[in-house]
Amino acid sequence: MARTAEDLKALLLAGDGYTETIDIEYLGEQFAVEIRPLTEAELTDVGRTMKINASMLKKISKKVKVGVKNTPEEKEKILREAVDALLSDSEGDVEVGSMAHADFLQNQEYCKRGIVDEGLRLLVPKFRYGLTEKIANRIKTISEVPPAVVQNFFGQQTDN
């Protein structure tokens, strides 16, 4: 029997209050940082904040034909070319620095939204090397609900 909408509301409301404290080593000392998972809207907003620039999208759109069914080999080739387009500038040079910077900025967005302490959230732009990534990785992990958990909630069988 399917669970009720009331069950779903209770689960969602309980999730709103979920936090966890992680221990972060920084400059040889341990610090406790309280974090929370991001909502679907917040995750989407982080993605929107990290827009891919228009020239990269043009490169990808040239490779993809709408409504065309591709073979697995063609899909793999398109994916590989799209990734190459994202990694390349107009001369074909890989912009690893730009990608690393974009990843860093995305991690900052996770921290700005997922750190519970308001004072610490305001200091995210001042975090030193490695601190942002450590905290953001855990926020990402607790924000993504595994498919098995969703299936279990709705009473579906899992193949695990």
N, C-alpha and C. Protein backbone atom coordinates (compact mmCIF):
# COMPACT_ATOMS: atom_id res chain seq x y z
N MET A 1 0.84 -1.19 0.00
CA MET A 1 0.00 0.00 0.00
C MET A 1 0.88 1.25 0.00
N ALA A 2 0.50 2.21 -0.79
CA ALA A 2 1.26 3.45 -0.88
C ALA A 2 1.11 4.27 0.39
N ARG A 3 2.17 4.96 0.72
CA ARG A 3 2.11 5.83 1.89
C ARG A 3 1.31 7.07 1.53
N THR A 4 0.85 7.78 2.53
CA THR A 4 -0.04 8.93 2.31
C THR A 4 0.75 10.22 2.09
N ALA A 5 0.03 11.21 1.64
CA ALA A 5 0.62 12.55 1.47
C ALA A 5 1.06 13.09 2.83
N GLU A 6 0.33 12.73 3.88
CA GLU A 6 0.72 13.17 5.23
C GLU A 6 2.08 12.58 5.62
N ASP A 7 2.32 11.31 5.23
CA ASP A 7 3.62 10.69 5.48
C ASP A 7 4.73 11.46 4.76
N LEU A 8 4.45 11.82 3.52
CA LEU A 8 5.44 12.56 2.73
C LEU A 8 5.71 13.93 3.35
N LYS A 9 4.65 14.62 3.76
CA LYS A 9 4.83 15.94 4.40
C LYS A 9 5.68 15.82 5.67
N ALA A 10 5.39 14.81 6.48
CA ALA A 10 6.14 14.62 7.72
C ALA A 10 7.62 14.36 7.43
N LEU A 11 7.87 13.55 6.40
CA LEU A 11 9.26 13.25 6.03
C LEU A 11 9.98 14.51 5.54
N LEU A 12 9.30 15.29 4.72
CA LEU A 12 9.90 16.52 4.20
C LEU A 12 10.17 17.52 5.32
N LEU A 13 9.22 17.67 6.23
CA LEU A 13 9.40 18.60 7.35
C LEU A 13 10.52 18.15 8.28
N ALA A 14 10.63 16.85 8.49
CA ALA A 14 11.72 16.33 9.32
C ALA A 14 13.06 16.61 8.65
N GLY A 15 13.08 16.51 7.33
CA GLY A 15 14.30 16.77 6.58
C GLY A 15 14.73 18.23 6.67
N ASP A 16 13.76 19.14 6.78
CA ASP A 16 14.09 20.56 6.90
C ASP A 16 14.95 20.84 8.12
N GLY A 17 14.73 20.07 9.18
CA GLY A 17 15.45 20.30 10.42
C GLY A 17 16.74 19.51 10.54
N TYR A 18 17.03 18.68 9.56
CA TYR A 18 18.23 17.84 9.65
C TYR A 18 19.50 18.66 9.52
N THR A 19 20.40 18.47 10.45
CA THR A 19 21.75 19.05 10.35
C THR A 19 22.73 17.98 10.82
N GLU A 20 23.95 18.17 10.46
CA GLU A 20 25.00 17.32 11.01
C GLU A 20 26.24 18.16 11.23
N THR A 21 27.03 17.72 12.18
CA THR A 21 28.27 18.42 12.49
C THR A 21 29.43 17.61 11.94
N ILE A 22 30.26 18.27 11.17
CA ILE A 22 31.43 17.59 10.62
C ILE A 22 32.68 18.21 11.25
N ASP A 23 33.67 17.38 11.42
CA ASP A 23 34.95 17.86 11.94
C ASP A 23 35.86 18.13 10.76
N ILE A 24 36.38 19.34 10.71
CA ILE A 24 37.26 19.76 9.63
C ILE A 24 38.62 20.08 10.21
N GLU A 25 39.64 19.51 9.62
CA GLU A 25 40.99 19.85 10.05
C GLU A 25 41.45 21.04 9.23
N TYR A 26 41.92 22.04 9.92
CA TYR A 26 42.38 23.25 9.25
C TYR A 26 43.55 23.82 10.04
N LEU A 27 44.66 24.02 9.37
CA LEU A 27 45.88 24.54 9.97
C LEU A 27 46.28 23.72 11.20
N GLY A 28 46.11 22.39 11.10
CA GLY A 28 46.54 21.49 12.16
C GLY A 28 45.59 21.37 13.33
N GLU A 29 44.45 22.02 13.27
CA GLU A 29 43.47 21.94 14.36
C GLU A 29 42.15 21.41 13.83
N GLN A 30 41.33 20.87 14.74
CA GLN A 30 40.01 20.35 14.39
C GLN A 30 38.95 21.40 14.72
N PHE A 31 38.03 21.59 13.79
CA PHE A 31 36.92 22.52 13.98
C PHE A 31 35.62 21.81 13.66
N ALA A 32 34.59 22.05 14.46
CA ALA A 32 33.26 21.48 14.22
C ALA A 32 32.44 22.49 13.42
N VAL A 33 31.89 22.03 12.29
CA VAL A 33 31.08 22.88 11.43
C VAL A 33 29.73 22.21 11.24
N GLU A 34 28.66 22.92 11.60
CA GLU A 34 27.31 22.38 11.43
C GLU A 34 26.82 22.71 10.03
N ILE A 35 26.35 21.67 9.33
CA ILE A 35 25.87 21.84 7.95
C ILE A 35 24.48 21.23 7.83
N ARG A 36 23.83 21.56 6.73
CA ARG A 36 22.51 21.00 6.43
C ARG A 36 22.45 20.67 4.95
N PRO A 37 21.55 19.75 4.57
CA PRO A 37 21.39 19.46 3.15
C PRO A 37 20.68 20.61 2.45
N LEU A 38 20.96 20.77 1.17
CA LEU A 38 20.28 21.78 0.38
C LEU A 38 18.98 21.20 -0.17
N THR A 39 18.00 22.07 -0.35
CA THR A 39 16.74 21.65 -0.97
C THR A 39 16.96 21.53 -2.47
N GLU A 40 15.99 20.93 -3.15
CA GLU A 40 16.08 20.80 -4.60
C GLU A 40 16.17 22.19 -5.26
N ALA A 41 15.41 23.14 -4.74
CA ALA A 41 15.44 24.50 -5.28
C ALA A 41 16.83 25.13 -5.10
N GLU A 42 17.44 24.90 -3.94
CA GLU A 42 18.78 25.44 -3.71
C GLU A 42 19.82 24.78 -4.60
N LEU A 43 19.70 23.46 -4.78
CA LEU A 43 20.62 22.77 -5.69
C LEU A 43 20.50 23.31 -7.11
N THR A 44 19.25 23.55 -7.54
CA THR A 44 19.01 24.11 -8.87
C THR A 44 19.60 25.51 -8.96
N ASP A 45 19.44 26.28 -7.90
CA ASP A 45 19.97 27.64 -7.89
C ASP A 45 21.50 27.65 -7.97
N VAL A 46 22.15 26.70 -7.29
CA VAL A 46 23.61 26.60 -7.40
C VAL A 46 23.98 26.33 -8.84
N GLY A 47 23.25 25.42 -9.49
CA GLY A 47 23.51 25.12 -10.90
C GLY A 47 23.29 26.33 -11.79
N ARG A 48 22.24 27.09 -11.50
CA ARG A 48 21.94 28.29 -12.29
C ARG A 48 23.02 29.34 -12.09
N THR A 49 23.54 29.43 -10.89
CA THR A 49 24.59 30.38 -10.58
C THR A 49 25.85 30.08 -11.40
N MET A 50 26.03 28.81 -11.71
CA MET A 50 27.22 28.39 -12.42
C MET A 50 26.94 28.17 -13.91
N LYS A 51 26.28 29.12 -14.55
CA LYS A 51 25.90 28.99 -15.96
C LYS A 51 27.11 28.72 -16.84
N ILE A 52 26.88 27.85 -17.82
CA ILE A 52 27.92 27.61 -18.83
C ILE A 52 27.83 28.78 -19.80
N ASN A 53 28.98 29.31 -20.21
CA ASN A 53 28.90 30.48 -21.08
C ASN A 53 28.37 30.13 -22.47
N ALA A 54 27.82 31.11 -23.14
CA ALA A 54 27.09 30.91 -24.39
C ALA A 54 27.95 30.31 -25.50
N SER A 55 29.21 30.66 -25.56
CA SER A 55 30.05 30.11 -26.63
C SER A 55 30.24 28.60 -26.46
N MET A 56 30.33 28.14 -25.21
CA MET A 56 30.44 26.70 -24.97
C MET A 56 29.15 25.99 -25.37
N LEU A 57 28.01 26.61 -25.05
CA LEU A 57 26.74 26.01 -25.42
C LEU A 57 26.60 25.91 -26.94
N LYS A 58 27.10 26.93 -27.66
CA LYS A 58 27.06 26.88 -29.12
C LYS A 58 27.85 25.68 -29.64
N LYS A 59 29.02 25.44 -29.04
CA LYS A 59 29.84 24.31 -29.48
C LYS A 59 29.11 22.99 -29.27
N ILE A 60 28.43 22.87 -28.15
CA ILE A 60 27.71 21.63 -27.86
C ILE A 60 26.50 21.50 -28.77
N SER A 61 25.76 22.59 -28.95
CA SER A 61 24.53 22.51 -29.74
C SER A 61 24.80 22.11 -31.19
N LYS A 62 25.98 22.40 -31.70
CA LYS A 62 26.33 21.99 -33.06
C LYS A 62 26.46 20.47 -33.15
N LYS A 63 26.73 19.82 -32.03
CA LYS A 63 26.95 18.37 -32.02
C LYS A 63 25.66 17.59 -31.80
N VAL A 64 24.63 18.22 -31.28
CA VAL A 64 23.41 17.51 -30.88
C VAL A 64 22.28 17.84 -31.84
N LYS A 65 21.63 16.81 -32.36
CA LYS A 65 20.47 16.98 -33.24
C LYS A 65 19.22 16.58 -32.45
N VAL A 66 18.28 17.51 -32.35
CA VAL A 66 17.06 17.27 -31.59
C VAL A 66 16.18 16.26 -32.32
N GLY A 67 15.66 15.27 -31.58
CA GLY A 67 14.74 14.30 -32.14
C GLY A 67 15.39 13.15 -32.89
N VAL A 68 16.71 13.13 -32.98
CA VAL A 68 17.41 12.06 -33.68
C VAL A 68 17.81 10.99 -32.68
N LYS A 69 17.45 9.73 -32.98
CA LYS A 69 17.87 8.60 -32.13
C LYS A 69 19.25 8.17 -32.56
N ASN A 70 20.19 8.25 -31.65
CA ASN A 70 21.56 7.87 -31.96
C ASN A 70 21.88 6.49 -31.39
N THR A 71 22.82 5.83 -32.03
CA THR A 71 23.30 4.55 -31.52
C THR A 71 24.13 4.84 -30.27
N PRO A 72 24.36 3.82 -29.43
CA PRO A 72 25.22 4.04 -28.26
C PRO A 72 26.61 4.59 -28.63
N GLU A 73 27.14 4.13 -29.75
CA GLU A 73 28.46 4.62 -30.20
C GLU A 73 28.39 6.10 -30.57
N GLU A 74 27.30 6.48 -31.26
CA GLU A 74 27.13 7.89 -31.64
C GLU A 74 26.94 8.77 -30.40
N LYS A 75 26.16 8.28 -29.43
CA LYS A 75 25.95 9.03 -28.19
C LYS A 75 27.27 9.23 -27.46
N GLU A 76 28.09 8.18 -27.41
CA GLU A 76 29.39 8.29 -26.75
C GLU A 76 30.28 9.30 -27.46
N LYS A 77 30.26 9.28 -28.79
CA LYS A 77 31.07 10.22 -29.57
C LYS A 77 30.59 11.66 -29.33
N ILE A 78 29.27 11.87 -29.34
CA ILE A 78 28.72 13.21 -29.09
C ILE A 78 29.11 13.70 -27.70
N LEU A 79 28.99 12.81 -26.72
CA LEU A 79 29.36 13.17 -25.35
C LEU A 79 30.83 13.54 -25.27
N ARG A 80 31.67 12.73 -25.89
CA ARG A 80 33.12 13.00 -25.87
C ARG A 80 33.42 14.35 -26.53
N GLU A 81 32.78 14.62 -27.68
CA GLU A 81 32.99 15.89 -28.37
C GLU A 81 32.44 17.07 -27.56
N ALA A 82 31.32 16.86 -26.88
CA ALA A 82 30.75 17.93 -26.05
C ALA A 82 31.69 18.26 -24.90
N VAL A 83 32.24 17.21 -24.28
CA VAL A 83 33.20 17.43 -23.19
C VAL A 83 34.43 18.15 -23.72
N ASP A 84 34.91 17.73 -24.90
CA ASP A 84 36.06 18.41 -25.51
C ASP A 84 35.73 19.88 -25.76
N ALA A 85 34.50 20.16 -26.22
CA ALA A 85 34.10 21.54 -26.47
C ALA A 85 34.07 22.35 -25.18
N LEU A 86 33.60 21.72 -24.10
CA LEU A 86 33.57 22.42 -22.83
C LEU A 86 34.97 22.70 -22.30
N LEU A 87 35.89 21.78 -22.60
CA LEU A 87 37.25 21.92 -22.08
C LEU A 87 38.14 22.79 -22.96
N SER A 88 37.66 23.16 -24.12
CA SER A 88 38.52 23.84 -25.07
C SER A 88 38.10 25.28 -25.29
N ASP A 89 39.09 26.11 -25.59
CA ASP A 89 38.76 27.45 -26.05
C ASP A 89 38.78 27.41 -27.57
N SER A 90 38.71 28.56 -28.23
CA SER A 90 38.61 28.60 -29.69
C SER A 90 39.84 28.03 -30.39
N GLU A 91 40.99 28.00 -29.73
CA GLU A 91 42.20 27.44 -30.34
C GLU A 91 42.36 25.96 -30.00
N GLY A 92 41.45 25.40 -29.22
CA GLY A 92 41.53 24.00 -28.88
C GLY A 92 42.37 23.71 -27.65
N ASP A 93 42.80 24.74 -26.94
CA ASP A 93 43.59 24.55 -25.73
C ASP A 93 42.66 24.28 -24.55
N VAL A 94 43.05 23.34 -23.73
CA VAL A 94 42.24 23.00 -22.55
C VAL A 94 42.38 24.11 -21.51
N GLU A 95 41.25 24.55 -21.00
CA GLU A 95 41.22 25.60 -19.99
C GLU A 95 40.99 24.98 -18.61
N VAL A 96 41.98 24.23 -18.15
CA VAL A 96 41.86 23.55 -16.86
C VAL A 96 41.72 24.56 -15.73
N GLY A 97 42.43 25.65 -15.80
CA GLY A 97 42.34 26.68 -14.76
C GLY A 97 40.94 27.24 -14.64
N SER A 98 40.28 27.46 -15.78
CA SER A 98 38.92 27.98 -15.75
C SER A 98 37.96 26.98 -15.12
N MET A 99 38.17 25.70 -15.44
CA MET A 99 37.30 24.66 -14.87
C MET A 99 37.51 24.55 -13.37
N ALA A 100 38.75 24.61 -12.92
CA ALA A 100 39.05 24.53 -11.50
C ALA A 100 38.43 25.72 -10.77
N HIS A 101 38.50 26.89 -11.39
CA HIS A 101 37.92 28.09 -10.79
C HIS A 101 36.40 27.97 -10.71
N ALA A 102 35.77 27.44 -11.75
CA ALA A 102 34.32 27.26 -11.75
C ALA A 102 33.92 26.27 -10.66
N ASP A 103 34.70 25.20 -10.49
CA ASP A 103 34.43 24.21 -9.45
C ASP A 103 34.56 24.86 -8.07
N PHE A 104 35.57 25.69 -7.89
CA PHE A 104 35.78 26.40 -6.63
C PHE A 104 34.58 27.32 -6.33
N LEU A 105 34.12 28.06 -7.33
CA LEU A 105 32.98 28.95 -7.13
C LEU A 105 31.72 28.17 -6.80
N GLN A 106 31.54 27.02 -7.43
CA GLN A 106 30.37 26.19 -7.14
C GLN A 106 30.45 25.68 -5.70
N ASN A 107 31.64 25.27 -5.27
CA ASN A 107 31.81 24.82 -3.88
C ASN A 107 31.50 25.93 -2.90
N GLN A 108 31.89 27.15 -3.24
CA GLN A 108 31.54 28.29 -2.38
C GLN A 108 30.03 28.44 -2.26
N GLU A 109 29.33 28.26 -3.37
CA GLU A 109 27.86 28.38 -3.34
C GLU A 109 27.25 27.31 -2.44
N TYR A 110 27.76 26.09 -2.51
CA TYR A 110 27.28 25.03 -1.60
C TYR A 110 27.49 25.45 -0.15
N CYS A 111 28.66 25.96 0.16
CA CYS A 111 28.97 26.37 1.54
C CYS A 111 28.09 27.53 1.99
N LYS A 112 27.89 28.51 1.12
CA LYS A 112 27.07 29.67 1.48
C LYS A 112 25.64 29.28 1.82
N ARG A 113 25.16 28.21 1.21
CA ARG A 113 23.79 27.78 1.45
C ARG A 113 23.68 26.69 2.52
N GLY A 114 24.72 25.86 2.68
CA GLY A 114 24.62 24.69 3.53
C GLY A 114 25.23 24.80 4.92
N ILE A 115 26.02 25.83 5.17
CA ILE A 115 26.58 26.03 6.52
C ILE A 115 25.49 26.67 7.37
N VAL A 116 25.25 26.11 8.54
CA VAL A 116 24.16 26.57 9.41
C VAL A 116 24.49 27.90 10.08
N ASP A 117 25.69 28.04 10.61
CA ASP A 117 26.09 29.25 11.33
C ASP A 117 26.19 30.44 10.37
N GLU A 118 25.35 31.45 10.61
CA GLU A 118 25.29 32.60 9.71
C GLU A 118 26.62 33.35 9.64
N GLY A 119 27.29 33.51 10.78
CA GLY A 119 28.57 34.22 10.80
C GLY A 119 29.62 33.50 9.97
N LEU A 120 29.66 32.18 10.07
CA LEU A 120 30.61 31.39 9.28
C LEU A 120 30.25 31.43 7.80
N ARG A 121 28.95 31.42 7.49
CA ARG A 121 28.50 31.52 6.09
C ARG A 121 29.01 32.80 5.45
N LEU A 122 28.97 33.88 6.20
CA LEU A 122 29.43 35.17 5.66
C LEU A 122 30.94 35.17 5.38
N LEU A 123 31.67 34.30 6.06
CA LEU A 123 33.12 34.24 5.89
C LEU A 123 33.57 33.28 4.78
N VAL A 124 32.62 32.62 4.12
CA VAL A 124 32.99 31.66 3.07
C VAL A 124 33.96 32.26 2.05
N PRO A 125 33.77 33.48 1.56
CA PRO A 125 34.73 34.02 0.60
C PRO A 125 36.15 34.17 1.16
N LYS A 126 36.30 34.16 2.48
CA LYS A 126 37.61 34.30 3.09
C LYS A 126 38.27 32.96 3.43
N PHE A 127 37.55 31.84 3.16
CA PHE A 127 38.12 30.52 3.45
C PHE A 127 39.42 30.34 2.71
N ARG A 128 40.36 29.66 3.34
CA ARG A 128 41.65 29.37 2.74
C ARG A 128 41.60 28.05 1.97
N TYR A 129 42.67 27.75 1.28
CA TYR A 129 42.76 26.60 0.40
C TYR A 129 42.28 25.31 1.05
N GLY A 130 41.41 24.59 0.35
CA GLY A 130 40.97 23.28 0.77
C GLY A 130 39.76 23.25 1.69
N LEU A 131 39.55 24.30 2.45
CA LEU A 131 38.45 24.32 3.41
C LEU A 131 37.09 24.30 2.71
N THR A 132 36.95 25.09 1.68
CA THR A 132 35.70 25.16 0.94
C THR A 132 35.35 23.80 0.35
N GLU A 133 36.32 23.16 -0.26
CA GLU A 133 36.07 21.87 -0.91
C GLU A 133 35.65 20.80 0.10
N LYS A 134 36.32 20.74 1.24
CA LYS A 134 36.00 19.73 2.26
C LYS A 134 34.56 19.88 2.74
N ILE A 135 34.15 21.09 3.03
CA ILE A 135 32.80 21.32 3.55
C ILE A 135 31.77 21.10 2.44
N ALA A 136 32.04 21.62 1.25
CA ALA A 136 31.10 21.50 0.13
C ALA A 136 30.86 20.04 -0.24
N ASN A 137 31.90 19.22 -0.21
CA ASN A 137 31.74 17.81 -0.57
C ASN A 137 30.75 17.11 0.34
N ARG A 138 30.80 17.41 1.64
CA ARG A 138 29.86 16.76 2.56
C ARG A 138 28.45 17.31 2.36
N ILE A 139 28.32 18.61 2.10
CA ILE A 139 27.00 19.20 1.84
C ILE A 139 26.38 18.55 0.60
N LYS A 140 27.18 18.36 -0.44
CA LYS A 140 26.69 17.69 -1.66
C LYS A 140 26.21 16.29 -1.34
N THR A 141 26.99 15.56 -0.55
CA THR A 141 26.65 14.17 -0.22
C THR A 141 25.33 14.08 0.52
N ILE A 142 25.12 14.92 1.52
CA ILE A 142 23.87 14.81 2.29
C ILE A 142 22.69 15.45 1.57
N SER A 143 22.96 16.22 0.52
CA SER A 143 21.87 16.86 -0.23
C SER A 143 21.29 15.95 -1.30
N GLU A 144 22.04 14.96 -1.70
CA GLU A 144 21.57 14.08 -2.77
C GLU A 144 21.01 12.81 -2.15
N VAL A 145 19.72 12.61 -2.31
CA VAL A 145 19.06 11.44 -1.76
C VAL A 145 19.29 10.27 -2.72
N PRO A 146 19.84 9.17 -2.23
CA PRO A 146 20.06 8.02 -3.11
C PRO A 146 18.74 7.48 -3.65
N PRO A 147 18.72 7.03 -4.90
CA PRO A 147 17.49 6.50 -5.49
C PRO A 147 16.85 5.38 -4.66
N ALA A 148 17.66 4.55 -4.01
CA ALA A 148 17.13 3.45 -3.20
C ALA A 148 16.28 3.98 -2.05
N VAL A 149 16.67 5.12 -1.49
CA VAL A 149 15.90 5.70 -0.39
C VAL A 149 14.54 6.17 -0.90
N VAL A 150 14.53 6.79 -2.08
CA VAL A 150 13.28 7.26 -2.67
C VAL A 150 12.37 6.07 -2.98
N GLN A 151 12.94 5.03 -3.60
CA GLN A 151 12.16 3.84 -3.94
C GLN A 151 11.60 3.19 -2.68
N ASN A 152 12.40 3.09 -1.64
CA ASN A 152 11.97 2.49 -0.39
C ASN A 152 10.82 3.29 0.22
N PHE A 153 10.92 4.62 0.16
CA PHE A 153 9.87 5.47 0.72
C PHE A 153 8.53 5.19 0.03
N PHE A 154 8.57 5.01 -1.30
CA PHE A 154 7.35 4.78 -2.04
C PHE A 154 6.99 3.30 -2.13
N GLY A 155 7.68 2.45 -1.35
CA GLY A 155 7.33 1.04 -1.27
C GLY A 155 7.73 0.23 -2.48
N GLN A 156 8.67 0.72 -3.28
CA GLN A 156 9.12 -0.01 -4.45
C GLN A 156 10.28 -0.91 -4.09
N GLN A 157 10.48 -1.95 -4.85
CA GLN A 157 11.60 -2.87 -4.63
C GLN A 157 12.87 -2.24 -5.15
N THR A 158 13.98 -2.54 -4.48
CA THR A 158 15.29 -2.11 -4.96
C THR A 158 16.06 -3.35 -5.39
N ASP A 159 16.96 -3.18 -6.33
CA ASP A 159 17.74 -4.30 -6.85
C ASP A 159 19.03 -4.49 -6.10
N ASN A 160 19.18 -3.84 -4.96
CA ASN A 160 20.45 -3.95 -4.21
C ASN A 160 20.45 -5.13 -3.30
